N, C-alpha and C. Protein backbone atom coordinates (compact mmCIF):
# COMPACT_ATOMS: atom_id res chain seq x y z
N MET A 1 15.10 199.24 180.31
CA MET A 1 15.06 199.90 181.59
C MET A 1 14.54 198.93 182.64
N SER A 2 15.00 199.13 183.84
CA SER A 2 14.55 198.34 184.98
C SER A 2 14.17 199.28 186.11
N HIS A 3 13.41 198.76 187.03
CA HIS A 3 13.04 199.53 188.22
C HIS A 3 13.94 199.10 189.37
N TYR A 4 14.34 200.07 190.17
CA TYR A 4 15.17 199.81 191.33
C TYR A 4 14.64 200.60 192.51
N LEU A 5 14.77 200.01 193.69
CA LEU A 5 14.45 200.68 194.94
C LEU A 5 15.75 200.86 195.69
N LEU A 6 16.06 202.10 196.02
CA LEU A 6 17.21 202.42 196.86
C LEU A 6 16.69 202.74 198.25
N THR A 7 17.24 202.09 199.26
CA THR A 7 16.98 202.47 200.64
C THR A 7 18.33 202.74 201.28
N ALA A 8 18.43 203.86 201.96
CA ALA A 8 19.70 204.24 202.56
C ALA A 8 19.45 204.78 203.97
N THR A 9 20.33 204.41 204.87
CA THR A 9 20.28 204.91 206.24
C THR A 9 21.46 205.85 206.44
N ASP A 10 21.19 206.99 207.05
CA ASP A 10 22.25 207.95 207.30
C ASP A 10 23.27 207.41 208.30
N LYS A 11 24.52 207.82 208.10
CA LYS A 11 25.57 207.51 209.07
C LYS A 11 25.27 208.27 210.36
N ALA A 12 25.75 207.75 211.47
CA ALA A 12 25.60 208.45 212.74
C ALA A 12 26.27 209.82 212.64
N GLY A 13 25.58 210.84 213.13
CA GLY A 13 26.13 212.19 213.13
C GLY A 13 26.17 212.88 211.78
N ALA A 14 25.37 212.40 210.82
CA ALA A 14 25.43 212.94 209.45
C ALA A 14 24.47 214.09 209.20
N MET A 15 23.69 214.51 210.18
CA MET A 15 22.67 215.52 209.92
C MET A 15 23.25 216.82 209.36
N ASP A 16 24.35 217.31 209.90
CA ASP A 16 24.95 218.55 209.38
C ASP A 16 25.38 218.38 207.93
N ARG A 17 25.97 217.23 207.59
CA ARG A 17 26.37 216.97 206.20
C ARG A 17 25.13 216.86 205.31
N ARG A 18 24.08 216.21 205.81
CA ARG A 18 22.83 216.08 205.05
C ARG A 18 22.28 217.45 204.71
N ILE A 19 22.17 218.31 205.69
CA ILE A 19 21.61 219.65 205.47
C ILE A 19 22.50 220.46 204.53
N ALA A 20 23.83 220.32 204.68
CA ALA A 20 24.77 221.09 203.86
C ALA A 20 24.66 220.75 202.37
N CYS A 21 24.35 219.50 202.04
CA CYS A 21 24.31 219.13 200.62
C CYS A 21 22.89 218.77 200.15
N ARG A 22 21.89 219.07 200.96
CA ARG A 22 20.52 218.70 200.62
C ARG A 22 20.04 219.35 199.32
N ASP A 23 20.32 220.64 199.13
CA ASP A 23 19.90 221.31 197.89
C ASP A 23 20.54 220.67 196.66
N GLU A 24 21.80 220.29 196.78
CA GLU A 24 22.50 219.62 195.67
C GLU A 24 21.87 218.26 195.39
N HIS A 25 21.55 217.51 196.45
CA HIS A 25 20.89 216.21 196.30
C HIS A 25 19.53 216.38 195.62
N ILE A 26 18.73 217.33 196.09
CA ILE A 26 17.39 217.53 195.52
C ILE A 26 17.49 217.97 194.06
N ALA A 27 18.44 218.84 193.73
CA ALA A 27 18.61 219.28 192.34
C ALA A 27 18.97 218.09 191.45
N TYR A 28 19.80 217.19 191.95
CA TYR A 28 20.20 216.02 191.17
C TYR A 28 19.01 215.08 190.96
N ILE A 29 18.24 214.84 192.01
CA ILE A 29 17.06 213.99 191.89
C ILE A 29 16.01 214.65 190.99
N ASP A 30 15.86 215.97 191.09
CA ASP A 30 14.91 216.68 190.22
C ASP A 30 15.29 216.51 188.75
N LYS A 31 16.58 216.56 188.45
CA LYS A 31 17.05 216.35 187.08
C LYS A 31 16.67 214.96 186.60
N LEU A 32 16.90 213.95 187.44
CA LEU A 32 16.53 212.58 187.09
C LEU A 32 15.01 212.43 186.97
N ARG A 33 14.27 213.09 187.84
CA ARG A 33 12.81 213.06 187.76
C ARG A 33 12.33 213.64 186.43
N ASP A 34 12.92 214.75 186.03
CA ASP A 34 12.53 215.39 184.78
C ASP A 34 12.84 214.51 183.56
N GLN A 35 13.78 213.58 183.72
CA GLN A 35 14.12 212.61 182.67
C GLN A 35 13.34 211.31 182.83
N ASP A 36 12.38 211.29 183.76
CA ASP A 36 11.57 210.09 184.09
C ASP A 36 12.42 208.93 184.57
N LYS A 37 13.53 209.23 185.23
CA LYS A 37 14.42 208.19 185.76
C LYS A 37 14.27 208.03 187.28
N ALA A 38 13.94 209.10 187.99
CA ALA A 38 13.62 209.03 189.42
C ALA A 38 12.11 209.19 189.53
N LEU A 39 11.44 208.17 190.06
CA LEU A 39 9.98 208.15 190.06
C LEU A 39 9.37 208.67 191.35
N LEU A 40 10.03 208.40 192.47
CA LEU A 40 9.50 208.82 193.76
C LEU A 40 10.62 208.77 194.77
N GLY A 41 10.66 209.73 195.65
CA GLY A 41 11.67 209.73 196.70
C GLY A 41 11.09 210.28 197.98
N ALA A 42 11.66 209.86 199.09
CA ALA A 42 11.21 210.33 200.39
C ALA A 42 12.36 210.23 201.39
N ALA A 43 12.33 211.13 202.36
CA ALA A 43 13.25 211.02 203.49
C ALA A 43 12.62 210.10 204.52
N GLN A 44 13.41 209.20 205.07
CA GLN A 44 12.96 208.39 206.19
C GLN A 44 13.12 209.23 207.46
N LEU A 45 12.21 209.06 208.38
CA LEU A 45 12.25 209.82 209.63
C LEU A 45 12.48 208.89 210.81
N ASP A 46 13.22 209.38 211.80
CA ASP A 46 13.41 208.59 213.01
C ASP A 46 12.23 208.84 213.96
N ASP A 47 12.32 208.29 215.15
CA ASP A 47 11.22 208.40 216.12
C ASP A 47 10.95 209.84 216.56
N ASP A 48 11.95 210.71 216.39
CA ASP A 48 11.80 212.12 216.75
C ASP A 48 11.37 212.98 215.57
N GLY A 49 11.10 212.34 214.41
CA GLY A 49 10.68 213.07 213.23
C GLY A 49 11.82 213.73 212.47
N LYS A 50 13.06 213.37 212.77
CA LYS A 50 14.21 213.93 212.07
C LYS A 50 14.61 213.00 210.93
N MET A 51 15.10 213.59 209.82
CA MET A 51 15.52 212.80 208.67
C MET A 51 16.65 211.85 209.08
N SER A 52 16.53 210.59 208.65
CA SER A 52 17.52 209.60 209.05
C SER A 52 17.90 208.65 207.91
N GLY A 53 17.37 208.89 206.73
CA GLY A 53 17.66 208.04 205.60
C GLY A 53 16.82 208.45 204.40
N SER A 54 16.88 207.65 203.35
CA SER A 54 16.18 207.98 202.11
C SER A 54 15.64 206.73 201.45
N VAL A 55 14.59 206.93 200.66
CA VAL A 55 14.00 205.89 199.83
C VAL A 55 13.76 206.51 198.46
N ILE A 56 14.23 205.86 197.40
CA ILE A 56 14.04 206.40 196.04
C ILE A 56 13.73 205.25 195.10
N PHE A 57 12.72 205.42 194.25
CA PHE A 57 12.41 204.48 193.18
C PHE A 57 12.95 205.04 191.87
N PHE A 58 13.65 204.20 191.12
CA PHE A 58 14.24 204.59 189.84
C PHE A 58 13.69 203.74 188.70
N ASP A 59 13.71 204.31 187.50
CA ASP A 59 13.43 203.60 186.26
C ASP A 59 14.59 203.93 185.33
N MET A 60 15.60 203.06 185.31
CA MET A 60 16.81 203.32 184.53
C MET A 60 17.56 202.02 184.32
N THR A 61 18.58 202.10 183.50
CA THR A 61 19.43 200.93 183.29
C THR A 61 20.37 200.75 184.47
N LYS A 62 20.95 199.57 184.58
CA LYS A 62 21.92 199.31 185.65
C LYS A 62 23.12 200.23 185.50
N GLU A 63 23.53 200.50 184.28
CA GLU A 63 24.67 201.40 184.04
C GLU A 63 24.35 202.82 184.51
N GLU A 64 23.12 203.28 184.24
CA GLU A 64 22.71 204.61 184.71
C GLU A 64 22.67 204.66 186.23
N LEU A 65 22.21 203.58 186.84
CA LEU A 65 22.17 203.52 188.30
C LEU A 65 23.60 203.56 188.87
N ASP A 66 24.51 202.83 188.25
CA ASP A 66 25.90 202.85 188.69
C ASP A 66 26.49 204.25 188.58
N ASP A 67 26.19 204.97 187.49
CA ASP A 67 26.66 206.34 187.32
C ASP A 67 26.07 207.25 188.40
N TYR A 68 24.78 207.07 188.67
CA TYR A 68 24.12 207.86 189.71
C TYR A 68 24.82 207.66 191.06
N MET A 69 25.14 206.41 191.38
CA MET A 69 25.76 206.10 192.67
C MET A 69 27.14 206.76 192.81
N LYS A 70 27.82 207.01 191.71
CA LYS A 70 29.13 207.67 191.75
C LYS A 70 29.00 209.17 192.00
N GLU A 71 27.84 209.75 191.65
CA GLU A 71 27.68 211.20 191.70
C GLU A 71 26.69 211.69 192.75
N GLU A 72 25.93 210.80 193.38
CA GLU A 72 24.92 211.20 194.35
C GLU A 72 25.56 211.99 195.50
N PRO A 73 25.10 213.23 195.73
CA PRO A 73 25.70 214.06 196.78
C PRO A 73 25.66 213.44 198.18
N TYR A 74 24.62 212.69 198.50
CA TYR A 74 24.57 212.07 199.82
C TYR A 74 25.60 210.94 199.96
N ILE A 75 26.09 210.43 198.85
CA ILE A 75 27.16 209.43 198.91
C ILE A 75 28.52 210.14 198.94
N THR A 76 28.71 211.08 198.02
CA THR A 76 30.02 211.75 197.94
C THR A 76 30.31 212.59 199.18
N ASN A 77 29.27 213.03 199.88
CA ASN A 77 29.44 213.82 201.10
C ASN A 77 29.29 212.99 202.37
N LYS A 78 29.28 211.67 202.21
CA LYS A 78 29.27 210.73 203.33
C LYS A 78 28.09 210.91 204.29
N VAL A 79 26.91 211.14 203.70
CA VAL A 79 25.68 211.20 204.49
C VAL A 79 25.15 209.79 204.71
N TRP A 80 24.99 209.05 203.61
CA TRP A 80 24.45 207.71 203.71
C TRP A 80 25.50 206.72 204.17
N GLY A 81 25.06 205.80 205.06
CA GLY A 81 25.92 204.70 205.48
C GLY A 81 25.51 203.44 204.76
N ASP A 82 24.55 202.74 205.32
CA ASP A 82 24.05 201.51 204.70
C ASP A 82 23.15 201.85 203.52
N ILE A 83 23.49 201.30 202.35
CA ILE A 83 22.71 201.52 201.13
C ILE A 83 22.32 200.16 200.58
N LYS A 84 21.05 200.01 200.27
CA LYS A 84 20.58 198.76 199.68
C LYS A 84 19.85 199.09 198.38
N ILE A 85 20.23 198.39 197.31
CA ILE A 85 19.58 198.53 196.02
C ILE A 85 18.87 197.22 195.72
N THR A 86 17.59 197.30 195.42
CA THR A 86 16.81 196.12 195.10
C THR A 86 16.13 196.33 193.76
N GLU A 87 16.30 195.39 192.83
CA GLU A 87 15.55 195.47 191.59
C GLU A 87 14.10 195.14 191.92
N CYS A 88 13.17 195.85 191.32
CA CYS A 88 11.75 195.64 191.61
C CYS A 88 10.94 195.87 190.34
N LYS A 89 9.67 195.64 190.44
CA LYS A 89 8.76 195.89 189.33
C LYS A 89 7.62 196.74 189.88
N ILE A 90 7.58 197.98 189.43
CA ILE A 90 6.54 198.89 189.87
C ILE A 90 5.25 198.53 189.17
N GLY A 91 4.18 198.44 189.94
CA GLY A 91 2.89 198.05 189.40
C GLY A 91 2.34 199.04 188.39
N PRO A 92 1.50 198.58 187.47
CA PRO A 92 0.99 199.42 186.40
C PRO A 92 0.18 200.62 186.89
N SER A 93 -0.37 200.54 188.07
CA SER A 93 -1.13 201.68 188.60
C SER A 93 -0.24 202.86 188.93
N PHE A 94 1.07 202.64 189.07
CA PHE A 94 1.97 203.68 189.51
C PHE A 94 2.96 204.13 188.46
N LYS A 95 2.98 203.49 187.31
CA LYS A 95 3.92 203.87 186.26
C LYS A 95 3.49 205.18 185.61
N ASN A 96 4.47 205.89 185.10
CA ASN A 96 4.22 207.13 184.38
C ASN A 96 3.93 206.88 182.92
N ASN A 97 3.90 205.64 182.50
CA ASN A 97 3.71 205.32 181.06
C ASN A 97 2.26 205.31 180.69
């Protein structure tokens, strides 16, 4: 297993799509969390306090991450625009192990 950080910025005008599929996105992340594959997630906020992107830390294989990217509701519903995946190493103070 490896750790990955996903940062994603919403496409312009995506708020309605974000809200429409938010429950589906949260249910999917909750499933991964329950499998200890999604460690932490947060919505990024713009200057007005509105959701404008996402940050998620994962503990999974590259293949699992690739599968996730094919099924993530914010991707399939065209909420996220710019997506960056960075391999990282979560410090021992924050691991669930």
